[in-house]
């Protein structure tokens, strides 16, 4: 749980209803960047191209 506590201290995650962690608006740009990086790495590994609709 140390990683979750670290993210809560920085304001990236907040506890919502029923004490479930939720991503805050402050963390959305970071999440989008990480997902885009994962897509590009997967395309590089598969020697393919990324198709954006």
N, C-alpha and C. Protein backbone atom coordinates (compact mmCIF):
# COMPACT_ATOMS: atom_id res chain seq x y z
N UNK A 1 0.81 -1.20 0.00
CA UNK A 1 0.00 0.00 0.00
C UNK A 1 0.86 1.27 0.00
N UNK A 2 2.13 1.12 0.07
CA UNK A 2 3.01 2.27 0.13
C UNK A 2 2.88 3.14 -1.12
N UNK A 3 2.77 2.55 -2.30
CA UNK A 3 2.66 3.33 -3.53
C UNK A 3 1.36 4.14 -3.56
N UNK A 4 0.29 3.58 -3.06
CA UNK A 4 -1.00 4.30 -3.03
C UNK A 4 -0.90 5.47 -2.06
N UNK A 5 -0.30 5.25 -0.89
CA UNK A 5 -0.14 6.34 0.07
C UNK A 5 0.72 7.47 -0.51
N UNK A 6 1.76 7.11 -1.24
CA UNK A 6 2.64 8.09 -1.88
C UNK A 6 1.86 8.92 -2.89
N UNK A 7 1.01 8.28 -3.70
CA UNK A 7 0.21 8.99 -4.70
C UNK A 7 -0.86 9.86 -4.03
N UNK A 8 -1.42 9.40 -2.91
CA UNK A 8 -2.43 10.19 -2.20
C UNK A 8 -1.78 11.45 -1.63
N UNK A 9 -0.57 11.34 -1.10
CA UNK A 9 0.12 12.50 -0.54
C UNK A 9 0.39 13.56 -1.60
N UNK A 10 0.59 13.14 -2.84
CA UNK A 10 0.86 14.08 -3.92
C UNK A 10 -0.39 14.56 -4.64
N UNK A 11 -1.54 14.05 -4.25
CA UNK A 11 -2.80 14.51 -4.83
C UNK A 11 -3.17 13.85 -6.14
N UNK A 12 -2.53 12.73 -6.48
CA UNK A 12 -2.83 12.04 -7.73
C UNK A 12 -3.98 11.06 -7.57
N UNK A 13 -4.17 10.56 -6.36
CA UNK A 13 -5.24 9.60 -6.08
C UNK A 13 -5.99 10.12 -4.85
N UNK A 14 -7.30 9.97 -4.87
CA UNK A 14 -8.13 10.34 -3.72
C UNK A 14 -9.06 9.16 -3.43
N UNK A 15 -9.47 9.06 -2.19
CA UNK A 15 -10.39 8.00 -1.82
C UNK A 15 -11.82 8.47 -2.06
N UNK A 16 -12.56 7.70 -2.85
CA UNK A 16 -13.93 8.04 -3.18
C UNK A 16 -14.91 7.32 -2.28
N UNK A 17 -16.14 7.15 -2.79
CA UNK A 17 -17.14 6.44 -2.00
C UNK A 17 -16.70 5.00 -1.72
N UNK A 18 -17.10 4.50 -0.61
CA UNK A 18 -16.76 3.13 -0.19
C UNK A 18 -15.25 2.93 -0.06
N UNK A 19 -14.53 4.03 0.14
CA UNK A 19 -13.08 3.98 0.38
C UNK A 19 -12.30 3.38 -0.79
N UNK A 20 -12.78 3.59 -2.01
CA UNK A 20 -12.09 3.10 -3.20
C UNK A 20 -11.19 4.20 -3.76
N UNK A 21 -9.96 3.88 -4.14
CA UNK A 21 -9.08 4.90 -4.71
C UNK A 21 -9.59 5.33 -6.08
N UNK A 22 -9.53 6.63 -6.35
CA UNK A 22 -9.92 7.19 -7.63
C UNK A 22 -8.82 8.11 -8.13
N UNK A 23 -8.66 8.17 -9.44
CA UNK A 23 -7.67 9.06 -10.04
C UNK A 23 -8.23 10.48 -10.03
N UNK A 24 -7.44 11.44 -9.57
CA UNK A 24 -7.89 12.82 -9.52
C UNK A 24 -7.68 13.49 -10.87
N UNK A 25 -8.30 14.66 -11.05
CA UNK A 25 -8.15 15.41 -12.29
C UNK A 25 -6.70 15.83 -12.51
N UNK A 26 -5.98 16.00 -11.45
CA UNK A 26 -4.57 16.39 -11.55
C UNK A 26 -3.73 15.28 -12.19
N UNK A 27 -4.12 14.04 -12.01
CA UNK A 27 -3.34 12.90 -12.50
C UNK A 27 -3.71 12.48 -13.92
N UNK A 28 -4.81 12.99 -14.49
CA UNK A 28 -5.23 12.54 -15.83
C UNK A 28 -4.19 12.74 -16.91
N UNK A 29 -3.50 13.90 -16.99
CA UNK A 29 -2.47 14.04 -18.03
C UNK A 29 -1.37 12.99 -17.91
N UNK A 30 -0.99 12.66 -16.69
CA UNK A 30 0.03 11.63 -16.48
C UNK A 30 -0.47 10.27 -16.95
N UNK A 31 -1.72 9.94 -16.66
CA UNK A 31 -2.29 8.66 -17.08
C UNK A 31 -2.36 8.55 -18.60
N UNK A 32 -2.77 9.63 -19.25
CA UNK A 32 -2.85 9.63 -20.71
C UNK A 32 -1.46 9.46 -21.32
N UNK A 33 -0.48 10.14 -20.77
CA UNK A 33 0.89 10.02 -21.28
C UNK A 33 1.43 8.60 -21.10
N UNK A 34 1.15 8.00 -19.96
CA UNK A 34 1.62 6.63 -19.72
C UNK A 34 0.95 5.63 -20.67
N UNK A 35 -0.35 5.79 -20.90
CA UNK A 35 -1.04 4.89 -21.82
C UNK A 35 -0.52 5.05 -23.25
N UNK A 36 -0.26 6.28 -23.67
CA UNK A 36 0.28 6.51 -25.01
C UNK A 36 1.67 5.89 -25.13
N UNK A 37 2.47 6.02 -24.09
CA UNK A 37 3.81 5.42 -24.11
C UNK A 37 3.73 3.90 -24.20
N UNK A 38 2.78 3.30 -23.49
CA UNK A 38 2.62 1.84 -23.55
C UNK A 38 2.20 1.39 -24.95
N UNK A 39 1.34 2.15 -25.59
CA UNK A 39 0.91 1.79 -26.95
C UNK A 39 2.10 1.88 -27.90
N UNK A 40 2.91 2.91 -27.79
CA UNK A 40 4.07 3.06 -28.66
C UNK A 40 5.11 1.97 -28.41
N UNK A 41 5.32 1.61 -27.17
CA UNK A 41 6.27 0.53 -26.86
C UNK A 41 5.77 -0.80 -27.41
N UNK A 42 4.47 -1.07 -27.27
CA UNK A 42 3.91 -2.31 -27.81
C UNK A 42 4.04 -2.34 -29.32
N UNK A 43 3.81 -1.23 -30.00
CA UNK A 43 3.96 -1.18 -31.45
C UNK A 43 5.41 -1.40 -31.85
N UNK A 44 6.34 -0.84 -31.09
CA UNK A 44 7.76 -1.04 -31.38
C UNK A 44 8.16 -2.50 -31.21
N UNK A 45 7.67 -3.13 -30.15
CA UNK A 45 8.00 -4.54 -29.89
C UNK A 45 7.43 -5.43 -30.98
N UNK A 46 6.23 -5.13 -31.45
CA UNK A 46 5.59 -5.94 -32.47
C UNK A 46 5.98 -5.55 -33.89
N UNK A 47 6.85 -4.54 -34.02
CA UNK A 47 7.29 -4.05 -35.33
C UNK A 47 6.11 -3.62 -36.20
N UNK A 48 5.13 -3.02 -35.56
CA UNK A 48 3.94 -2.60 -36.28
C UNK A 48 3.81 -1.09 -36.30
N UNK A 49 2.67 -0.66 -36.71
CA UNK A 49 2.38 0.77 -36.71
C UNK A 49 1.19 1.04 -35.82
N UNK A 50 1.10 2.25 -35.35
CA UNK A 50 -0.02 2.65 -34.51
C UNK A 50 -1.03 3.36 -35.39
N UNK A 51 -2.25 2.86 -35.42
CA UNK A 51 -3.32 3.45 -36.22
C UNK A 51 -4.21 4.27 -35.30
N UNK A 52 -4.33 5.54 -35.59
CA UNK A 52 -5.18 6.43 -34.78
C UNK A 52 -6.41 6.76 -35.59
N UNK A 53 -7.59 6.42 -35.08
CA UNK A 53 -8.80 6.70 -35.86
C UNK A 53 -9.11 8.19 -35.93
